[in-house]
Amino acid sequence: MAASSYAGAVRAGTMAAARRHQQLGFRGDIEARGGNVDVFRAINMLDLPLLLRPLHGLLGAYLSEPAPGVLVTTQRPMSIQRFTAAHELGHFAMRHLPSLDDESILRRMPMAGEPTADFQEIEADAFAVEFMMPRWLILWHSARQGWMADEFRKPNRVYQLSLRIGASYEATCWTLVRHRLITLPVARDLLETQPRELKVALLEAHKPKDYRGDVWLLTQRDAGTRIDGSRNDLFVLRLEEHSGGGYLWDIDQLRASGFGIVRDEVEALDREGIGGPVIRRVTAQPTELYRGRIAIDERRPWEPDEPIASLNVDIDLTGPEEEGLSRAERRSLLEAA
């Protein structure tokens, strides 16, 4: 039965997304290995036909006849592609009428302040937010990173959260309001800061040719997790190093993982002490389109013993989605071969 009110539509979309999560079993996988909700994998698992095309004037579309199928544009960043795909999945999950979706789906997402009277679209919007950015996912990443509630008042923390859940910075701000993790005035304050400013601050003296890629701040808290990024992304590794005891992070391993080192520096943790731990801060970028693993150990160069610390992160930097099969569908076909 179609919703008859805005609140009813939001509730229906949210509940439908929770049911799909339970059906697909994503939560257990993410809580074991990290990462985000792979919307394109969900579409593939549900055998919902998907076409990725350069759509002009549209972000996506849902078709119900002669059989259900969705379209998603190749002309937007990965975070927008993912939200669009989640919106179209919502139309499918709730058995909606066909829909052609433009950028209004971004402006009217719950809490963003531009509602519509079309309850079908409200249901799909709410589905997309809950499916892609559920509260448990935000809390999982927060616990993993050691972020307390007050941390979400800091733009740099919200930006790093947005990368880990695979959403835009703006969508993450509004979703934190929706989950009552911040207030509406705090979200508006956060949105005064643009992601470009946060990238510049993270990269410090390094100036890339442009700032279209994201900048990930990785620490040892990211060990054993997964990263789903884009071709132009850069990484700042901030690692505690026990150089006073002869232990150093093996930067050659990072190079062997397929990264170029654009900056490498050391800063003292305790400026008054001598011989204590320091912070090794390394800025790196992939040298080519890359899917694999960052693997780096802290060890004494002259000893073959086990390292005292390691950072191993599975990464996929092949986004955004390109024309043809989605990355999830290509991986599924390779695994079945």
C-alpha atoms as a PDB file:
ATOM      1  CA  MET A   1       0.000   0.000   0.000  1.00  0.00           C
ATOM      2  CA  ALA A   2       1.344   3.409  -0.975  1.00  0.00           C
ATOM      3  CA  ALA A   3       2.219   5.849   1.802  1.00  0.00           C
ATOM      4  CA  SER A   4      -0.257   8.644   2.468  1.00  0.00           C
ATOM      5  CA  SER A   5       2.073  11.041   4.316  1.00  0.00           C
ATOM      6  CA  TYR A   6       5.679  12.229   4.261  1.00  0.00           C
ATOM      7  CA  ALA A   7       6.435  10.518   7.574  1.00  0.00           C
ATOM      8  CA  GLY A   8       4.759   7.318   6.384  1.00  0.00           C
ATOM      9  CA  ALA A   9       6.822   7.323   3.177  1.00  0.00           C
ATOM     10  CA  VAL A  10      10.077   7.809   5.087  1.00  0.00           C
ATOM     11  CA  ARG A  11       9.138   5.029   7.474  1.00  0.00           C
ATOM     12  CA  ALA A  12       8.205   2.655   4.634  1.00  0.00           C
ATOM     13  CA  GLY A  13      11.449   3.303   2.738  1.00  0.00           C
ATOM     14  CA  THR A  14      13.548   2.886   5.872  1.00  0.00           C
ATOM     15  CA  MET A  15      11.889  -0.409   6.791  1.00  0.00           C
ATOM     16  CA  ALA A  16      12.255  -1.755   3.247  1.00  0.00           C
ATOM     17  CA  ALA A  17      16.000  -0.995   3.319  1.00  0.00           C
ATOM     18  CA  ALA A  18      16.403  -2.762   6.673  1.00  0.00           C
ATOM     19  CA  ARG A  19      14.653  -5.833   5.251  1.00  0.00           C
ATOM     20  CA  ARG A  20      17.009  -5.897   2.256  1.00  0.00           C
ATOM     21  CA  HIS A  21      20.025  -5.670   4.549  1.00  0.00           C
ATOM     22  CA  GLN A  22      18.741  -8.633   6.503  1.00  0.00           C
ATOM     23  CA  GLN A  23      18.104 -10.555   3.282  1.00  0.00           C
ATOM     24  CA  LEU A  24      21.563  -9.881   1.821  1.00  0.00           C
ATOM     25  CA  GLY A  25      23.537 -10.319   5.035  1.00  0.00           C
ATOM     26  CA  PHE A  26      25.817  -7.325   4.470  1.00  0.00           C
ATOM     27  CA  ARG A  27      26.049  -6.276   8.104  1.00  0.00           C
ATOM     28  CA  GLY A  28      27.948  -9.329   9.302  1.00  0.00           C
ATOM     29  CA  ASP A  29      30.417  -9.074   6.421  1.00  0.00           C
ATOM     30  CA  ILE A  30      31.106  -5.382   7.067  1.00  0.00           C
ATOM     31  CA  GLU A  31      31.465  -5.813  10.815  1.00  0.00           C
ATOM     32  CA  ALA A  32      34.000  -8.590  10.160  1.00  0.00           C
ATOM     33  CA  ARG A  33      36.061  -6.857   7.448  1.00  0.00           C
ATOM     34  CA  GLY A  34      35.056  -3.199   7.287  1.00  0.00           C
ATOM     35  CA  GLY A  35      34.185  -1.213   4.184  1.00  0.00           C
ATOM     36  CA  ASN A  36      30.881   0.204   3.031  1.00  0.00           C
ATOM     37  CA  VAL A  37      27.563  -1.142   1.779  1.00  0.00           C
ATOM     38  CA  ASP A  38      28.296  -2.263  -1.787  1.00  0.00           C
ATOM     39  CA  VAL A  39      25.137  -1.092  -3.528  1.00  0.00           C
ATOM     40  CA  PHE A  40      26.184  -2.438  -6.916  1.00  0.00           C
ATOM     41  CA  ARG A  41      26.910  -5.847  -5.412  1.00  0.00           C
ATOM     42  CA  ALA A  42      23.415  -5.815  -3.901  1.00  0.00           C
ATOM     43  CA  ILE A  43      21.913  -5.091  -7.328  1.00  0.00           C
ATOM     44  CA  ASN A  44      23.912  -7.963  -8.812  1.00  0.00           C
ATOM     45  CA  MET A  45      22.942 -10.371  -6.011  1.00  0.00           C
ATOM     46  CA  LEU A  46      19.265  -9.571  -6.613  1.00  0.00           C
ATOM     47  CA  ASP A  47      19.645 -10.288 -10.362  1.00  0.00           C
ATOM     48  CA  LEU A  48      18.364  -6.808 -11.135  1.00  0.00           C
ATOM     49  CA  PRO A  49      19.579  -5.787 -14.610  1.00  0.00           C
ATOM     50  CA  LEU A  50      21.814  -2.701 -14.482  1.00  0.00           C
ATOM     51  CA  LEU A  51      23.116  -0.499 -17.284  1.00  0.00           C
ATOM     52  CA  LEU A  52      25.856   2.078 -16.721  1.00  0.00           C
ATOM     53  CA  ARG A  53      25.647   4.755 -19.380  1.00  0.00           C
ATOM     54  CA  PRO A  54      26.522   8.452 -19.863  1.00  0.00           C
ATOM     55  CA  LEU A  55      23.043   9.811 -19.159  1.00  0.00           C
ATOM     56  CA  HIS A  56      22.420  13.417 -20.140  1.00  0.00           C
ATOM     57  CA  GLY A  57      20.226  15.337 -17.698  1.00  0.00           C
ATOM     58  CA  LEU A  58      19.620  12.272 -15.525  1.00  0.00           C
ATOM     59  CA  LEU A  59      21.430  10.526 -12.712  1.00  0.00           C
ATOM     60  CA  GLY A  60      19.506   7.301 -13.105  1.00  0.00           C
ATOM     61  CA  ALA A  61      16.244   5.613 -13.980  1.00  0.00           C
ATOM     62  CA  TYR A  62      14.065   2.706 -12.905  1.00  0.00           C
ATOM     63  CA  LEU A  63      12.105   0.739 -15.491  1.00  0.00           C
ATOM     64  CA  SER A  64       9.457  -1.834 -14.591  1.00  0.00           C
ATOM     65  CA  GLU A  65       8.291  -3.013 -18.015  1.00  0.00           C
ATOM     66  CA  PRO A  66       8.722  -5.419 -19.716  1.00  0.00           C
ATOM     67  CA  ALA A  67      10.953  -6.444 -16.786  1.00  0.00           C
ATOM     68  CA  PRO A  68      12.545  -4.471 -13.932  1.00  0.00           C
ATOM     69  CA  GLY A  69      15.890  -2.799 -14.607  1.00  0.00           C
ATOM     70  CA  VAL A  70      17.897   0.268 -13.597  1.00  0.00           C
ATOM     71  CA  LEU A  71      20.142   2.813 -15.291  1.00  0.00           C
ATOM     72  CA  VAL A  72      22.940   4.762 -13.550  1.00  0.00           C
ATOM     73  CA  THR A  73      25.040   7.530 -15.048  1.00  0.00           C
ATOM     74  CA  THR A  74      28.793   7.236 -15.604  1.00  0.00           C
ATOM     75  CA  GLN A  75      29.165  11.034 -15.487  1.00  0.00           C
ATOM     76  CA  ARG A  76      29.221  11.610 -11.736  1.00  0.00           C
ATOM     77  CA  PRO A  77      31.610  10.832  -8.838  1.00  0.00           C
ATOM     78  CA  MET A  78      31.392   7.442  -7.221  1.00  0.00           C
ATOM     79  CA  SER A  79      29.507   8.652  -4.125  1.00  0.00           C
ATOM     80  CA  ILE A  80      26.717  10.035  -6.324  1.00  0.00           C
ATOM     81  CA  GLN A  81      26.675   6.908  -8.477  1.00  0.00           C
ATOM     82  CA  ARG A  82      26.232   4.818  -5.334  1.00  0.00           C
ATOM     83  CA  PHE A  83      23.429   6.980  -3.942  1.00  0.00           C
ATOM     84  CA  THR A  84      21.663   6.951  -7.318  1.00  0.00           C
ATOM     85  CA  ALA A  85      21.962   3.175  -7.537  1.00  0.00           C
ATOM     86  CA  ALA A  86      20.547   2.852  -4.008  1.00  0.00           C
ATOM     87  CA  HIS A  87      17.640   5.136  -4.971  1.00  0.00           C
ATOM     88  CA  GLU A  88      16.844   3.004  -8.033  1.00  0.00           C
ATOM     89  CA  LEU A  89      17.163  -0.150  -5.936  1.00  0.00           C
ATOM     90  CA  GLY A  90      14.593   1.392  -3.617  1.00  0.00           C
ATOM     91  CA  HIS A  91      12.154   1.793  -6.510  1.00  0.00           C
ATOM     92  CA  PHE A  92      12.664  -1.892  -7.349  1.00  0.00           C
ATOM     93  CA  ALA A  93      12.400  -3.112  -3.751  1.00  0.00           C
ATOM     94  CA  MET A  94       9.133  -1.225  -3.238  1.00  0.00           C
ATOM     95  CA  ARG A  95       7.648  -2.155  -6.620  1.00  0.00           C
ATOM     96  CA  HIS A  96       7.279   1.414  -7.768  1.00  0.00           C
ATOM     97  CA  LEU A  97       6.182   2.787 -11.093  1.00  0.00           C
ATOM     98  CA  PRO A  98       8.926   3.698 -13.610  1.00  0.00           C
ATOM     99  CA  SER A  99      10.961   6.760 -12.636  1.00  0.00           C
ATOM    100  CA  LEU A 100      13.418   9.092 -14.380  1.00  0.00           C
ATOM    101  CA  ASP A 101      15.626  10.626 -11.688  1.00  0.00           C
ATOM    102  CA  ASP A 102      17.624  13.830 -12.003  1.00  0.00           C
ATOM    103  CA  GLU A 103      19.748  15.731  -9.462  1.00  0.00           C
ATOM    104  CA  SER A 104      16.688  16.552  -7.374  1.00  0.00           C
ATOM    105  CA  ILE A 105      17.205  13.206  -5.597  1.00  0.00           C
ATOM    106  CA  LEU A 106      20.333  14.732  -4.035  1.00  0.00           C
ATOM    107  CA  ARG A 107      18.710  17.995  -2.977  1.00  0.00           C
ATOM    108  CA  ARG A 108      15.666  16.464  -1.343  1.00  0.00           C
ATOM    109  CA  MET A 109      17.266  13.629   0.638  1.00  0.00           C
ATOM    110  CA  PRO A 110      15.824  13.429   4.173  1.00  0.00           C
ATOM    111  CA  MET A 111      16.851  16.406   6.356  1.00  0.00           C
ATOM    112  CA  ALA A 112      18.302  18.352   3.401  1.00  0.00           C
ATOM    113  CA  GLY A 113      15.353  20.710   3.343  1.00  0.00           C
ATOM    114  CA  GLU A 114      13.831  20.295  -0.127  1.00  0.00           C
ATOM    115  CA  PRO A 115      10.923  17.824   0.193  1.00  0.00           C
ATOM    116  CA  THR A 116       8.606  16.686  -2.584  1.00  0.00           C
ATOM    117  CA  ALA A 117       4.931  15.777  -2.624  1.00  0.00           C
ATOM    118  CA  ASP A 118       5.708  12.575  -4.578  1.00  0.00           C
ATOM    119  CA  PHE A 119       5.534   9.873  -1.909  1.00  0.00           C
ATOM    120  CA  GLN A 120       7.056   7.286  -4.256  1.00  0.00           C
ATOM    121  CA  GLU A 121      10.186   9.412  -4.528  1.00  0.00           C
ATOM    122  CA  ILE A 122      10.246  10.029  -0.771  1.00  0.00           C
ATOM    123  CA  GLU A 123      10.142   6.259  -0.204  1.00  0.00           C
ATOM    124  CA  ALA A 124      13.044   5.720  -2.630  1.00  0.00           C
ATOM    125  CA  ASP A 125      15.037   8.561  -1.048  1.00  0.00           C
ATOM    126  CA  ALA A 126      14.553   7.123   2.452  1.00  0.00           C
ATOM    127  CA  PHE A 127      15.438   3.642   1.204  1.00  0.00           C
ATOM    128  CA  ALA A 128      18.676   4.952  -0.334  1.00  0.00           C
ATOM    129  CA  VAL A 129      19.769   6.729   2.846  1.00  0.00           C
ATOM    130  CA  GLU A 130      19.014   3.790   5.127  1.00  0.00           C
ATOM    131  CA  PHE A 131      20.441   1.168   2.766  1.00  0.00           C
ATOM    132  CA  MET A 132      23.682   3.012   2.064  1.00  0.00           C
ATOM    133  CA  MET A 133      24.205   4.825   5.390  1.00  0.00           C
ATOM    134  CA  PRO A 134      22.512   2.872   8.200  1.00  0.00           C
ATOM    135  CA  ARG A 135      23.152   3.965  11.764  1.00  0.00           C
ATOM    136  CA  TRP A 136      24.966   0.733  12.627  1.00  0.00           C
ATOM    137  CA  LEU A 137      27.499   1.348   9.826  1.00  0.00           C
ATOM    138  CA  ILE A 138      28.307   4.838  11.114  1.00  0.00           C
ATOM    139  CA  LEU A 139      28.645   3.556  14.674  1.00  0.00           C
ATOM    140  CA  TRP A 140      30.870   0.662  13.556  1.00  0.00           C
ATOM    141  CA  HIS A 141      33.333   2.992  11.817  1.00  0.00           C
ATOM    142  CA  SER A 142      33.198   5.418  14.738  1.00  0.00           C
ATOM    143  CA  ALA A 143      34.072   2.656  17.204  1.00  0.00           C
ATOM    144  CA  ARG A 144      36.839   1.386  14.940  1.00  0.00           C
ATOM    145  CA  GLN A 145      38.388   4.859  14.675  1.00  0.00           C
ATOM    146  CA  GLY A 146      37.827   5.749  18.343  1.00  0.00           C
ATOM    147  CA  TRP A 147      35.586   8.699  17.463  1.00  0.00           C
ATOM    148  CA  MET A 148      33.289   9.920  20.236  1.00  0.00           C
ATOM    149  CA  ALA A 149      30.024  11.800  19.632  1.00  0.00           C
ATOM    150  CA  ASP A 150      31.697  15.217  19.840  1.00  0.00           C
ATOM    151  CA  GLU A 151      34.022  14.240  16.978  1.00  0.00           C
ATOM    152  CA  PHE A 152      31.157  14.737  14.527  1.00  0.00           C
ATOM    153  CA  ARG A 153      31.359  18.471  15.132  1.00  0.00           C
ATOM    154  CA  LYS A 154      34.732  18.421  13.337  1.00  0.00           C
ATOM    155  CA  PRO A 155      34.610  18.677   9.524  1.00  0.00           C
ATOM    156  CA  ASN A 156      37.759  16.582   9.080  1.00  0.00           C
ATOM    157  CA  ARG A 157      36.232  13.697  11.054  1.00  0.00           C
ATOM    158  CA  VAL A 158      32.983  13.813   9.095  1.00  0.00           C
ATOM    159  CA  TYR A 159      34.933  13.905   5.844  1.00  0.00           C
ATOM    160  CA  GLN A 160      36.893  10.771   6.783  1.00  0.00           C
ATOM    161  CA  LEU A 161      33.652   9.085   7.853  1.00  0.00           C
ATOM    162  CA  SER A 162      32.073   9.953   4.497  1.00  0.00           C
ATOM    163  CA  LEU A 163      34.934   8.208   2.657  1.00  0.00           C
ATOM    164  CA  ARG A 164      34.576   5.067   4.732  1.00  0.00           C
ATOM    165  CA  ILE A 165      30.807   4.771   4.251  1.00  0.00           C
ATOM    166  CA  GLY A 166      31.075   5.691   0.557  1.00  0.00           C
ATOM    167  CA  ALA A 167      28.925   8.829   0.641  1.00  0.00           C
ATOM    168  CA  SER A 168      29.429  12.489  -0.181  1.00  0.00           C
ATOM    169  CA  TYR A 169      30.433  14.865   2.616  1.00  0.00           C
ATOM    170  CA  GLU A 170      27.113  16.701   2.342  1.00  0.00           C
ATOM    171  CA  ALA A 171      25.026  13.510   2.418  1.00  0.00           C
ATOM    172  CA  THR A 172      26.962  12.337   5.464  1.00  0.00           C
ATOM    173  CA  CYS A 173      26.220  15.587   7.304  1.00  0.00           C
ATOM    174  CA  TRP A 174      22.473  15.288   6.675  1.00  0.00           C
ATOM    175  CA  THR A 175      22.480  11.587   7.559  1.00  0.00           C
ATOM    176  CA  LEU A 176      24.146  12.298  10.914  1.00  0.00           C
ATOM    177  CA  VAL A 177      21.219  14.632  11.616  1.00  0.00           C
ATOM    178  CA  ARG A 178      18.727  11.992  10.555  1.00  0.00           C
ATOM    179  CA  HIS A 179      20.295   9.473  12.938  1.00  0.00           C
ATOM    180  CA  ARG A 180      20.298  12.132  15.696  1.00  0.00           C
ATOM    181  CA  LEU A 181      24.067  12.014  16.050  1.00  0.00           C
ATOM    182  CA  ILE A 182      24.331  15.774  15.473  1.00  0.00           C
ATOM    183  CA  THR A 183      21.825  18.623  15.436  1.00  0.00           C
ATOM    184  CA  LEU A 184      20.630  20.550  12.397  1.00  0.00           C
ATOM    185  CA  PRO A 185      22.633  23.702  13.363  1.00  0.00           C
ATOM    186  CA  VAL A 186      25.790  21.585  13.657  1.00  0.00           C
ATOM    187  CA  ALA A 187      25.198  20.163  10.172  1.00  0.00           C
ATOM    188  CA  ARG A 188      24.821  23.653   8.756  1.00  0.00           C
ATOM    189  CA  ASP A 189      28.071  24.688  10.433  1.00  0.00           C
ATOM    190  CA  LEU A 190      29.826  21.622   9.004  1.00  0.00           C
ATOM    191  CA  LEU A 191      28.609  22.469   5.520  1.00  0.00           C
ATOM    192  CA  GLU A 192      30.339  25.835   5.737  1.00  0.00           C
ATOM    193  CA  THR A 193      33.553  23.861   5.199  1.00  0.00           C
ATOM    194  CA  GLN A 194      34.107  22.511   1.702  1.00  0.00           C
ATOM    195  CA  PRO A 195      35.826  19.130   1.143  1.00  0.00           C
ATOM    196  CA  ARG A 196      38.541  20.848  -0.900  1.00  0.00           C
ATOM    197  CA  GLU A 197      39.645  22.775   2.194  1.00  0.00           C
ATOM    198  CA  LEU A 198      39.946  19.508   4.114  1.00  0.00           C
ATOM    199  CA  LYS A 199      41.998  17.909   1.337  1.00  0.00           C
ATOM    200  CA  VAL A 200      44.381  20.871   1.229  1.00  0.00           C
ATOM    201  CA  ALA A 201      44.861  20.716   5.005  1.00  0.00           C
ATOM    202  CA  LEU A 202      45.568  16.980   4.947  1.00  0.00           C
ATOM    203  CA  LEU A 203      48.075  17.180   2.102  1.00  0.00           C
ATOM    204  CA  GLU A 204      49.882  20.146   3.682  1.00  0.00           C
ATOM    205  CA  ALA A 205      52.804  21.074   1.403  1.00  0.00           C
ATOM    206  CA  HIS A 206      51.944  18.566  -1.340  1.00  0.00           C
ATOM    207  CA  LYS A 207      49.884  20.107  -4.134  1.00  0.00           C
ATOM    208  CA  PRO A 208      48.356  17.658  -6.619  1.00  0.00           C
ATOM    209  CA  LYS A 209      47.443  18.763 -10.131  1.00  0.00           C
ATOM    210  CA  ASP A 210      43.813  18.961  -8.976  1.00  0.00           C
ATOM    211  CA  TYR A 211      41.693  18.120  -5.951  1.00  0.00           C
ATOM    212  CA  ARG A 212      39.070  15.937  -7.619  1.00  0.00           C
ATOM    213  CA  GLY A 213      40.326  12.834  -5.828  1.00  0.00           C
ATOM    214  CA  ASP A 214      39.697  12.198  -2.161  1.00  0.00           C
ATOM    215  CA  VAL A 215      42.384  12.168   0.529  1.00  0.00           C
ATOM    216  CA  TRP A 216      42.291   9.285   2.997  1.00  0.00           C
ATOM    217  CA  LEU A 217      43.930   9.614   6.408  1.00  0.00           C
ATOM    218  CA  LEU A 218      45.014   6.103   7.404  1.00  0.00           C
ATOM    219  CA  THR A 219      46.227   5.033  10.818  1.00  0.00           C
ATOM    220  CA  GLN A 220      46.803   1.673  12.468  1.00  0.00           C
ATOM    221  CA  ARG A 221      43.094   1.680  13.351  1.00  0.00           C
ATOM    222  CA  ASP A 222      42.439   0.956   9.661  1.00  0.00           C
ATOM    223  CA  ALA A 223      44.430  -2.300   9.764  1.00  0.00           C
ATOM    224  CA  GLY A 224      42.478  -5.246   8.384  1.00  0.00           C
ATOM    225  CA  THR A 225      39.751  -3.144   6.784  1.00  0.00           C
ATOM    226  CA  ARG A 226      38.732  -2.411   3.195  1.00  0.00           C
ATOM    227  CA  ILE A 227      38.785   0.779   1.160  1.00  0.00           C
ATOM    228  CA  ASP A 228      36.670   1.434  -1.914  1.00  0.00           C
ATOM    229  CA  GLY A 229      38.032   4.532  -3.631  1.00  0.00           C
ATOM    230  CA  SER A 230      38.681   6.224  -6.947  1.00  0.00           C
ATOM    231  CA  ARG A 231      41.553   6.515  -9.385  1.00  0.00           C
ATOM    232  CA  ASN A 232      42.673   9.970  -8.277  1.00  0.00           C
ATOM    233  CA  ASP A 233      42.625   9.333  -4.516  1.00  0.00           C
ATOM    234  CA  LEU A 234      45.640  10.036  -2.326  1.00  0.00           C
ATOM    235  CA  PHE A 235      46.608   8.631   1.061  1.00  0.00           C
ATOM    236  CA  VAL A 236      48.196  10.148   4.132  1.00  0.00           C
ATOM    237  CA  LEU A 237      49.511   7.445   6.455  1.00  0.00           C
ATOM    238  CA  ARG A 238      49.952   8.679  10.027  1.00  0.00           C
ATOM    239  CA  LEU A 239      51.745   5.927  11.929  1.00  0.00           C
ATOM    240  CA  GLU A 240      53.374   5.763  15.347  1.00  0.00           C
ATOM    241  CA  GLU A 241      57.011   4.740  14.884  1.00  0.00           C
ATOM    242  CA  HIS A 242      59.366   3.452  17.601  1.00  0.00           C
ATOM    243  CA  SER A 243      62.560   4.669  15.967  1.00  0.00           C
ATOM    244  CA  GLY A 244      64.269   5.091  19.342  1.00  0.00           C
ATOM    245  CA  GLY A 245      64.321   1.305  19.564  1.00  0.00           C
ATOM    246  CA  GLY A 246      65.419   0.931  15.957  1.00  0.00           C
ATOM    247  CA  TYR A 247      61.964   0.107  14.584  1.00  0.00           C
ATOM    248  CA  LEU A 248      61.011   1.784  11.304  1.00  0.00           C
ATOM    249  CA  TRP A 249      58.057   1.503   8.954  1.00  0.00           C
ATOM    250  CA  ASP A 250      59.220  -0.201   5.754  1.00  0.00           C
ATOM    251  CA  ILE A 251      58.322   2.383   3.120  1.00  0.00           C
ATOM    252  CA  ASP A 252      59.774   0.138   0.389  1.00  0.00           C
ATOM    253  CA  GLN A 253      56.846  -2.203   1.061  1.00  0.00           C
ATOM    254  CA  LEU A 254      54.481   0.658   0.295  1.00  0.00           C
ATOM    255  CA  ARG A 255      56.272   1.262  -3.002  1.00  0.00           C
ATOM    256  CA  ALA A 256      56.060  -2.460  -3.755  1.00  0.00           C
ATOM    257  CA  SER A 257      52.305  -2.243  -3.153  1.00  0.00           C
ATOM    258  CA  GLY A 258      52.108   0.097  -6.152  1.00  0.00           C
ATOM    259  CA  PHE A 259      52.332   3.530  -4.535  1.00  0.00           C
ATOM    260  CA  GLY A 260      54.522   6.499  -5.232  1.00  0.00           C
ATOM    261  CA  ILE A 261      55.780   8.399  -2.182  1.00  0.00           C
ATOM    262  CA  VAL A 262      55.259  12.129  -2.581  1.00  0.00           C
ATOM    263  CA  ARG A 263      56.114  13.148   0.991  1.00  0.00           C
ATOM    264  CA  ASP A 264      57.727  11.425   3.982  1.00  0.00           C
ATOM    265  CA  GLU A 265      58.377  13.155   7.280  1.00  0.00           C
ATOM    266  CA  VAL A 266      58.646  12.525  11.002  1.00  0.00           C
ATOM    267  CA  GLU A 267      57.115  14.543  13.828  1.00  0.00           C
ATOM    268  CA  ALA A 268      57.759  14.055  17.524  1.00  0.00           C
ATOM    269  CA  LEU A 269      54.949  12.837  19.780  1.00  0.00           C
ATOM    270  CA  ASP A 270      56.649  14.240  22.872  1.00  0.00           C
ATOM    271  CA  ARG A 271      58.710  17.265  21.996  1.00  0.00           C
ATOM    272  CA  GLU A 272      60.286  17.262  25.481  1.00  0.00           C
ATOM    273  CA  GLY A 273      61.354  13.627  25.469  1.00  0.00           C
ATOM    274  CA  ILE A 274      64.264  11.910  23.755  1.00  0.00           C
ATOM    275  CA  GLY A 275      64.088   8.504  22.137  1.00  0.00           C
ATOM    276  CA  GLY A 276      60.326   8.105  22.470  1.00  0.00           C
ATOM    277  CA  PRO A 277      57.884   7.202  19.713  1.00  0.00           C
ATOM    278  CA  VAL A 278      57.425   9.575  16.794  1.00  0.00           C
ATOM    279  CA  ILE A 279      54.768   9.941  14.110  1.00  0.00           C
ATOM    280  CA  ARG A 280      55.749   8.856  10.620  1.00  0.00           C
ATOM    281  CA  ARG A 281      53.614  10.781   8.144  1.00  0.00           C
ATOM    282  CA  VAL A 282      53.757   9.484   4.588  1.00  0.00           C
ATOM    283  CA  THR A 283      51.769  10.875   1.657  1.00  0.00           C
ATOM    284  CA  ALA A 284      51.323   8.373  -1.153  1.00  0.00           C
ATOM    285  CA  GLN A 285      49.440   8.019  -4.406  1.00  0.00           C
ATOM    286  CA  PRO A 286      48.839   4.977  -6.608  1.00  0.00           C
ATOM    287  CA  THR A 287      51.074   4.841  -9.671  1.00  0.00           C
ATOM    288  CA  GLU A 288      48.378   3.191 -11.807  1.00  0.00           C
ATOM    289  CA  LEU A 289      44.790   1.987 -11.674  1.00  0.00           C
ATOM    290  CA  TYR A 290      44.971  -0.238  -8.690  1.00  0.00           C
ATOM    291  CA  ARG A 291      43.198  -3.045  -6.896  1.00  0.00           C
ATOM    292  CA  GLY A 292      45.082  -4.949  -4.242  1.00  0.00           C
ATOM    293  CA  ARG A 293      46.503  -4.281  -0.803  1.00  0.00           C
ATOM    294  CA  ILE A 294      48.496  -1.743   1.144  1.00  0.00           C
ATOM    295  CA  ALA A 295      50.915  -3.803   3.220  1.00  0.00           C
ATOM    296  CA  ILE A 296      53.547  -2.181   5.415  1.00  0.00           C
ATOM    297  CA  ASP A 297      55.363  -3.377   8.568  1.00  0.00           C
ATOM    298  CA  GLU A 298      57.226  -1.703  11.407  1.00  0.00           C
ATOM    299  CA  ARG A 299      60.420  -3.653  12.088  1.00  0.00           C
ATOM    300  CA  ARG A 300      64.136  -3.355  12.708  1.00  0.00           C
ATOM    301  CA  PRO A 301      65.741  -3.331   9.247  1.00  0.00           C
ATOM    302  CA  TRP A 302      68.597  -5.576  10.358  1.00  0.00           C
ATOM    303  CA  GLU A 303      66.409  -8.207  12.043  1.00  0.00           C
ATOM    304  CA  PRO A 304      64.186 -10.732  10.237  1.00  0.00           C
ATOM    305  CA  ASP A 305      61.913 -11.137  13.265  1.00  0.00           C
ATOM    306  CA  GLU A 306      58.193 -10.591  13.215  1.00  0.00           C
ATOM    307  CA  PRO A 307      57.210  -6.889  12.948  1.00  0.00           C
ATOM    308  CA  ILE A 308      55.955  -5.143  16.057  1.00  0.00           C
ATOM    309  CA  ALA A 309      53.145  -3.515  14.034  1.00  0.00           C
ATOM    310  CA  SER A 310      51.573  -3.862  10.603  1.00  0.00           C
ATOM    311  CA  LEU A 311      49.109  -2.010   8.435  1.00  0.00           C
ATOM    312  CA  ASN A 312      47.301  -4.166   5.882  1.00  0.00           C
ATOM    313  CA  VAL A 313      44.367  -2.646   4.017  1.00  0.00           C
ATOM    314  CA  ASP A 314      42.542  -4.153   1.030  1.00  0.00           C
ATOM    315  CA  ILE A 315      41.872  -1.456  -1.543  1.00  0.00           C
ATOM    316  CA  ASP A 316      39.942  -1.005  -4.758  1.00  0.00           C
ATOM    317  CA  LEU A 317      40.759   2.299  -6.453  1.00  0.00           C
ATOM    318  CA  THR A 318      39.084   1.534  -9.778  1.00  0.00           C
ATOM    319  CA  GLY A 319      36.038   3.784  -9.250  1.00  0.00           C
ATOM    320  CA  PRO A 320      33.932   5.533 -10.380  1.00  0.00           C
ATOM    321  CA  GLU A 321      31.849   2.985 -12.252  1.00  0.00           C
ATOM    322  CA  GLU A 322      32.440   3.046 -16.015  1.00  0.00           C
ATOM    323  CA  GLU A 323      30.247   2.158 -18.967  1.00  0.00           C
ATOM    324  CA  GLY A 324      29.453  -1.536 -19.196  1.00  0.00           C
ATOM    325  CA  LEU A 325      29.311  -3.992 -16.317  1.00  0.00           C
ATOM    326  CA  SER A 326      29.653  -2.737 -12.748  1.00  0.00           C
ATOM    327  CA  ARG A 327      32.818  -3.655 -10.862  1.00  0.00           C
ATOM    328  CA  ALA A 328      30.758  -5.917  -8.608  1.00  0.00           C
ATOM    329  CA  GLU A 329      29.354  -7.810 -11.589  1.00  0.00           C
ATOM    330  CA  ARG A 330      32.809  -8.172 -13.150  1.00  0.00           C
ATOM    331  CA  ARG A 331      34.191  -9.554  -9.880  1.00  0.00           C
ATOM    332  CA  SER A 332      31.284 -11.993  -9.659  1.00  0.00           C
ATOM    333  CA  LEU A 333      31.923 -13.257 -13.182  1.00  0.00           C
ATOM    334  CA  LEU A 334      35.656 -13.689 -12.507  1.00  0.00           C
ATOM    335  CA  GLU A 335      34.970 -15.623  -9.307  1.00  0.00           C
ATOM    336  CA  ALA A 336      32.546 -17.912 -11.147  1.00  0.00           C
ATOM    337  CA  ALA A 337      34.978 -18.582 -14.003  1.00  0.00           C
END
